Amino acid sequence: RRSAAVRARRRRFRDGLEAVIEVLVASFKAGHGPVQALEEARGRSDGPVREALDRVLDSFHAGAPLREALQEFAREWPATEAVYLAACLETHLRTGGDVAALLVNLAGVLRDRRQLTGDLAARTGEARSTAALLGLLPPVLLGYILWVEPAQLGPLLTSPVGLVVSVCAAVSWGVGVVVVRRMVEAVAREVEGEG
């Protein structure tokens, strides 16, 4: 499992990357080349994005081709946004063309993706609440019946058939809680981009 600090760092990286894309677009529209655009973006960024751009540019200035530095960036930060940004810049390095338009499209895709992720996170929260409520309902109901009318549960706890039914019900309830919990956690991981 990822810690909250790792998730927060990844979130800061993604948020910062959107700002970097805006700076890159402005820089490319001003006629700057890829290295100059990346240096300008680095100068206007901070946190994990600044660290990542530092590594890209340090690697380039140490003699590595920019394409290799970008590929390393995409490997180091396997977030979808980083991979897409690296692919856009690599495509520009190979073929040329209007990289600013490509980056504008990428920024739109990332904005839409962030909005969808927010919607999914809200729905996942609803699912977690519902799962918790449904998971707690049987024990709460059992406790209430034991408190109000314990004689009602006597046959379930004393007769052989009642015990079999009680054990089957408890096992089914436990399996259901585990399955629902795993499903909700899987969706939450996808929403957070971990999956």
Protein backbone atom coordinates (compact mmCIF):
# COMPACT_ATOMS: atom_id res chain seq x y z
CA ARG A 1 0.00 0.00 0.00
CA ARG A 2 1.12 3.49 -0.68
CA SER A 3 1.46 5.90 2.18
CA ALA A 4 -0.50 9.12 2.34
CA ALA A 5 2.76 11.06 1.84
CA VAL A 6 3.50 9.23 -1.42
CA ARG A 7 -0.04 9.84 -2.67
CA ALA A 8 0.20 13.53 -1.73
CA ARG A 9 3.55 13.86 -3.52
CA ARG A 10 2.12 12.20 -6.61
CA ARG A 11 -0.89 14.53 -6.50
CA ARG A 12 1.41 17.58 -6.21
CA PHE A 13 3.39 16.25 -9.17
CA ARG A 14 0.27 15.91 -11.30
CA ASP A 15 -1.03 19.35 -10.35
CA GLY A 16 2.38 20.90 -11.01
CA LEU A 17 2.66 19.13 -14.34
CA GLU A 18 -0.44 20.89 -15.63
CA ALA A 19 1.18 24.25 -14.86
CA VAL A 20 4.39 23.09 -16.57
CA ILE A 21 2.43 22.22 -19.70
CA GLU A 22 0.98 25.75 -19.77
CA VAL A 23 4.49 27.23 -19.50
CA LEU A 24 5.76 24.90 -22.23
CA VAL A 25 2.90 25.93 -24.54
CA ALA A 26 3.67 29.62 -24.03
CA SER A 27 7.38 29.02 -24.53
CA PHE A 28 6.92 27.01 -27.74
CA LYS A 29 4.50 29.62 -29.09
CA ALA A 30 7.19 32.23 -28.40
CA GLY A 31 9.52 30.26 -30.68
CA HIS A 32 11.74 28.62 -28.07
CA GLY A 33 13.26 25.21 -28.59
CA PRO A 34 12.59 22.20 -26.36
CA VAL A 35 15.56 22.70 -24.02
CA GLN A 36 14.88 26.39 -23.53
CA ALA A 37 11.17 25.66 -22.97
CA LEU A 38 12.01 22.99 -20.37
CA GLU A 39 14.43 25.37 -18.62
CA GLU A 40 11.75 28.05 -18.48
CA ALA A 41 9.24 25.53 -17.11
CA ARG A 42 11.76 24.39 -14.51
CA GLY A 43 12.27 27.98 -13.41
CA ARG A 44 8.55 28.42 -12.83
CA SER A 45 7.91 25.11 -11.06
CA ASP A 46 8.58 23.73 -7.61
CA GLY A 47 8.23 20.56 -5.59
CA PRO A 48 8.38 17.16 -7.26
CA VAL A 49 7.91 18.61 -10.76
CA ARG A 50 10.92 20.88 -10.27
CA GLU A 51 12.97 17.88 -9.11
CA ALA A 52 11.91 15.87 -12.16
CA LEU A 53 12.73 18.70 -14.57
CA ASP A 54 16.06 19.21 -12.80
CA ARG A 55 16.93 15.58 -13.51
CA VAL A 56 15.86 15.82 -17.16
CA LEU A 57 17.91 18.94 -17.79
CA ASP A 58 20.89 17.82 -15.69
CA SER A 59 20.97 14.59 -17.66
CA PHE A 60 20.81 16.53 -20.94
CA HIS A 61 23.55 18.97 -19.90
CA ALA A 62 25.70 16.00 -18.83
CA GLY A 63 25.61 14.75 -22.42
CA ALA A 64 22.56 12.48 -22.66
CA PRO A 65 20.28 13.04 -25.66
CA LEU A 66 17.09 14.88 -24.69
CA ARG A 67 14.98 11.94 -25.89
CA GLU A 68 16.74 9.62 -23.43
CA ALA A 69 16.33 12.13 -20.61
CA LEU A 70 12.60 12.34 -21.38
CA GLN A 71 12.29 8.55 -21.49
CA GLU A 72 13.95 8.37 -18.07
CA PHE A 73 11.49 11.01 -16.83
CA ALA A 74 8.57 8.85 -18.01
CA ARG A 75 10.05 5.76 -16.32
CA GLU A 76 10.76 7.59 -13.09
CA TRP A 77 7.28 9.12 -12.91
CA PRO A 78 4.97 6.47 -14.36
CA ALA A 79 1.95 8.73 -13.91
CA THR A 80 -0.05 8.84 -17.11
CA GLU A 81 0.43 12.59 -17.36
CA ALA A 82 4.23 12.30 -17.29
CA VAL A 83 4.23 9.56 -19.90
CA TYR A 84 2.00 11.63 -22.20
CA LEU A 85 4.14 14.75 -21.77
CA ALA A 86 7.32 12.83 -22.52
CA ALA A 87 5.67 11.25 -25.59
CA CYS A 88 4.57 14.67 -26.91
CA LEU A 89 8.05 16.13 -26.53
CA GLU A 90 9.73 13.04 -28.00
CA THR A 91 7.37 13.15 -30.98
CA HIS A 92 8.29 16.79 -31.51
CA LEU A 93 12.00 15.94 -31.35
CA ARG A 94 11.58 13.17 -33.95
CA THR A 95 9.16 14.76 -36.38
CA GLY A 96 8.92 18.47 -35.59
CA GLY A 97 5.55 20.08 -36.10
CA ASP A 98 3.33 22.21 -33.90
CA VAL A 99 4.17 20.92 -30.43
CA ALA A 100 2.23 23.79 -28.82
CA ALA A 101 -1.03 22.53 -30.33
CA LEU A 102 -0.21 19.01 -29.21
CA LEU A 103 0.44 20.24 -25.67
CA VAL A 104 -2.79 22.29 -25.65
CA ASN A 105 -4.68 19.11 -26.54
CA LEU A 106 -2.80 17.22 -23.82
CA ALA A 107 -3.70 19.90 -21.26
CA GLY A 108 -7.37 19.52 -22.22
CA VAL A 109 -7.21 15.75 -21.87
CA LEU A 110 -5.54 16.06 -18.46
CA ARG A 111 -8.12 18.60 -17.29
CA ASP A 112 -10.95 16.29 -18.36
CA ARG A 113 -9.23 13.35 -16.70
CA ARG A 114 -8.82 15.28 -13.43
CA GLN A 115 -12.51 16.20 -13.46
CA LEU A 116 -13.50 12.58 -14.11
CA THR A 117 -11.20 11.45 -11.31
CA GLY A 118 -12.90 13.90 -8.95
CA ASP A 119 -16.32 12.58 -9.93
CA LEU A 120 -15.16 8.99 -9.43
CA ALA A 121 -13.66 9.86 -6.05
CA ALA A 122 -17.00 11.30 -4.92
CA ARG A 123 -18.84 8.20 -6.07
CA THR A 124 -16.25 5.96 -4.44
CA GLY A 125 -16.87 7.82 -1.19
CA GLU A 126 -20.58 7.08 -1.52
CA ALA A 127 -19.81 3.41 -2.18
CA ARG A 128 -17.57 3.24 0.90
CA SER A 129 -20.30 4.73 3.07
CA THR A 130 -22.89 2.32 1.70
CA ALA A 131 -20.55 -0.66 2.14
CA ALA A 132 -19.82 0.34 5.75
CA LEU A 133 -23.52 0.73 6.50
CA LEU A 134 -24.43 -2.61 4.94
CA GLY A 135 -21.52 -4.31 6.70
CA LEU A 136 -22.56 -2.99 10.11
CA LEU A 137 -26.27 -3.64 9.72
CA PRO A 138 -26.33 -7.39 10.58
CA PRO A 139 -24.26 -7.14 13.80
CA VAL A 140 -26.21 -4.07 14.94
CA LEU A 141 -29.51 -5.81 14.24
CA LEU A 142 -28.29 -8.94 16.05
CA GLY A 143 -27.24 -6.85 19.05
CA TYR A 144 -30.58 -5.06 19.09
CA ILE A 145 -32.56 -8.32 19.02
CA LEU A 146 -30.36 -9.81 21.76
CA TRP A 147 -30.97 -6.73 23.89
CA VAL A 148 -34.73 -6.36 23.26
CA GLU A 149 -35.94 -9.94 22.74
CA PRO A 150 -33.17 -12.51 23.38
CA ALA A 151 -35.65 -15.39 23.33
CA GLN A 152 -36.20 -14.80 19.59
CA LEU A 153 -32.63 -15.91 18.87
CA GLY A 154 -32.70 -18.94 21.18
CA PRO A 155 -33.47 -21.49 18.44
CA LEU A 156 -30.67 -20.11 16.25
CA LEU A 157 -28.09 -20.56 18.98
CA THR A 158 -29.24 -23.78 20.66
CA SER A 159 -30.55 -26.20 18.02
CA PRO A 160 -28.19 -27.99 15.58
CA VAL A 161 -30.04 -26.64 12.54
CA GLY A 162 -30.04 -23.15 14.04
CA LEU A 163 -26.29 -23.33 14.63
CA VAL A 164 -25.65 -24.43 11.03
CA VAL A 165 -27.83 -21.58 9.74
CA SER A 166 -26.07 -19.11 12.08
CA VAL A 167 -22.60 -20.23 10.99
CA CYS A 168 -23.57 -20.10 7.29
CA ALA A 169 -25.05 -16.63 7.75
CA ALA A 170 -21.95 -15.38 9.60
CA VAL A 171 -19.59 -16.82 6.95
CA SER A 172 -21.68 -15.36 4.11
CA TRP A 173 -21.75 -11.98 5.84
CA GLY A 174 -17.97 -12.06 6.38
CA VAL A 175 -17.27 -13.04 2.77
CA GLY A 176 -19.61 -10.31 1.54
CA VAL A 177 -17.87 -7.67 3.66
CA VAL A 178 -14.44 -8.74 2.36
CA VAL A 179 -15.56 -8.81 -1.29
CA VAL A 180 -17.27 -5.41 -1.14
CA ARG A 181 -14.29 -3.90 0.67
CA ARG A 182 -11.86 -5.20 -1.96
CA MET A 183 -14.05 -3.93 -4.79
CA VAL A 184 -14.26 -0.46 -3.27
CA GLU A 185 -10.50 -0.41 -2.61
CA ALA A 186 -9.78 -1.48 -6.21
CA VAL A 187 -11.90 1.36 -7.56
CA ALA A 188 -10.24 3.79 -5.13
CA ARG A 189 -6.79 2.69 -6.34
CA GLU A 190 -7.85 3.24 -9.96
CA VAL A 191 -9.20 6.69 -9.09
CA GLU A 192 -5.93 7.59 -7.39
CA GLY A 193 -3.97 6.27 -10.36
CA GLU A 194 -2.30 3.45 -8.51
CA GLY A 195 -3.87 0.62 -10.41
